[in-house]
């Protein structure tokens, strides 16, 4: 196995790592607020992205979309 392939395989997989690391950065209260926003389909991903950007935190809207597809059920 080549060096680059080893580096690729050593990278974290999935979007939960991104969200988990952001939750850790935000702390308990703000992290809970972020989870509430992620689980609320009425809050647009761009709203969440802009609020995170104001705190110098980057997150792709597609991560939110994938999180919601895997974790949020709508009625």
Protein backbone atom coordinates (compact mmCIF):
# COMPACT_ATOMS: atom_id res chain seq x y z
CA UNK A 1 0.00 0.00 0.00
CA UNK A 2 1.30 3.42 -0.97
CA UNK A 3 1.86 6.25 1.47
CA UNK A 4 -0.97 8.37 0.05
CA UNK A 5 -3.43 5.46 0.23
CA UNK A 6 -2.50 4.99 3.87
CA UNK A 7 -3.20 8.67 4.50
CA UNK A 8 -6.57 8.39 2.77
CA UNK A 9 -7.57 5.33 4.78
CA UNK A 10 -6.48 7.07 7.98
CA UNK A 11 -8.98 9.90 7.52
CA UNK A 12 -12.15 10.00 9.66
CA UNK A 13 -15.26 8.65 7.97
CA UNK A 14 -18.78 10.05 8.05
CA UNK A 15 -20.34 13.36 8.95
CA UNK A 16 -20.98 12.61 12.59
CA UNK A 17 -17.32 13.40 13.31
CA UNK A 18 -17.79 16.94 12.03
CA UNK A 19 -20.94 17.48 14.05
CA UNK A 20 -19.46 15.79 17.11
CA UNK A 21 -16.38 18.01 17.01
CA UNK A 22 -18.51 21.14 16.62
CA UNK A 23 -20.69 20.07 19.55
CA UNK A 24 -17.55 19.65 21.65
CA UNK A 25 -16.33 23.14 20.67
CA UNK A 26 -19.67 24.74 21.53
CA UNK A 27 -20.03 23.32 25.00
CA UNK A 28 -23.08 21.80 26.65
CA UNK A 29 -25.68 24.57 26.36
CA UNK A 30 -24.85 25.79 22.86
CA UNK A 31 -24.29 22.21 21.71
CA UNK A 32 -27.79 21.30 22.86
CA UNK A 33 -29.13 24.32 20.96
CA UNK A 34 -27.30 23.16 17.82
CA UNK A 35 -28.76 19.67 18.15
CA UNK A 36 -32.23 21.16 18.59
CA UNK A 37 -31.70 23.20 15.41
CA UNK A 38 -30.37 20.19 13.50
CA UNK A 39 -33.38 18.14 14.54
CA UNK A 40 -35.88 20.86 13.60
CA UNK A 41 -36.73 20.54 9.90
CA UNK A 42 -38.27 24.04 9.99
CA UNK A 43 -34.81 25.58 10.49
CA UNK A 44 -32.99 25.87 7.18
CA UNK A 45 -29.42 24.62 6.87
CA UNK A 46 -28.31 28.11 5.76
CA UNK A 47 -29.54 29.56 9.06
CA UNK A 48 -27.43 27.08 10.98
CA UNK A 49 -24.42 27.63 8.70
CA UNK A 50 -24.56 31.42 9.14
CA UNK A 51 -24.82 31.15 12.92
CA UNK A 52 -21.83 28.80 12.99
CA UNK A 53 -19.85 31.07 10.64
CA UNK A 54 -20.41 33.94 13.08
CA UNK A 55 -18.50 31.79 15.57
CA UNK A 56 -15.75 31.00 13.06
CA UNK A 57 -16.99 27.40 12.63
CA UNK A 58 -17.28 25.91 9.16
CA UNK A 59 -19.84 23.28 8.22
CA UNK A 60 -21.18 22.28 4.84
CA UNK A 61 -24.96 22.38 4.26
CA UNK A 62 -24.68 18.85 2.87
CA UNK A 63 -23.53 17.63 6.29
CA UNK A 64 -26.74 18.99 7.79
CA UNK A 65 -28.81 17.40 5.02
CA UNK A 66 -27.14 14.02 5.54
CA UNK A 67 -27.50 14.30 9.33
CA UNK A 68 -31.19 15.02 8.98
CA UNK A 69 -31.72 12.19 6.50
CA UNK A 70 -30.18 9.75 8.96
CA UNK A 71 -31.54 11.15 12.24
CA UNK A 72 -34.69 13.23 11.79
CA UNK A 73 -38.13 11.80 11.16
CA UNK A 74 -40.90 14.09 9.97
CA UNK A 75 -44.57 13.46 10.45
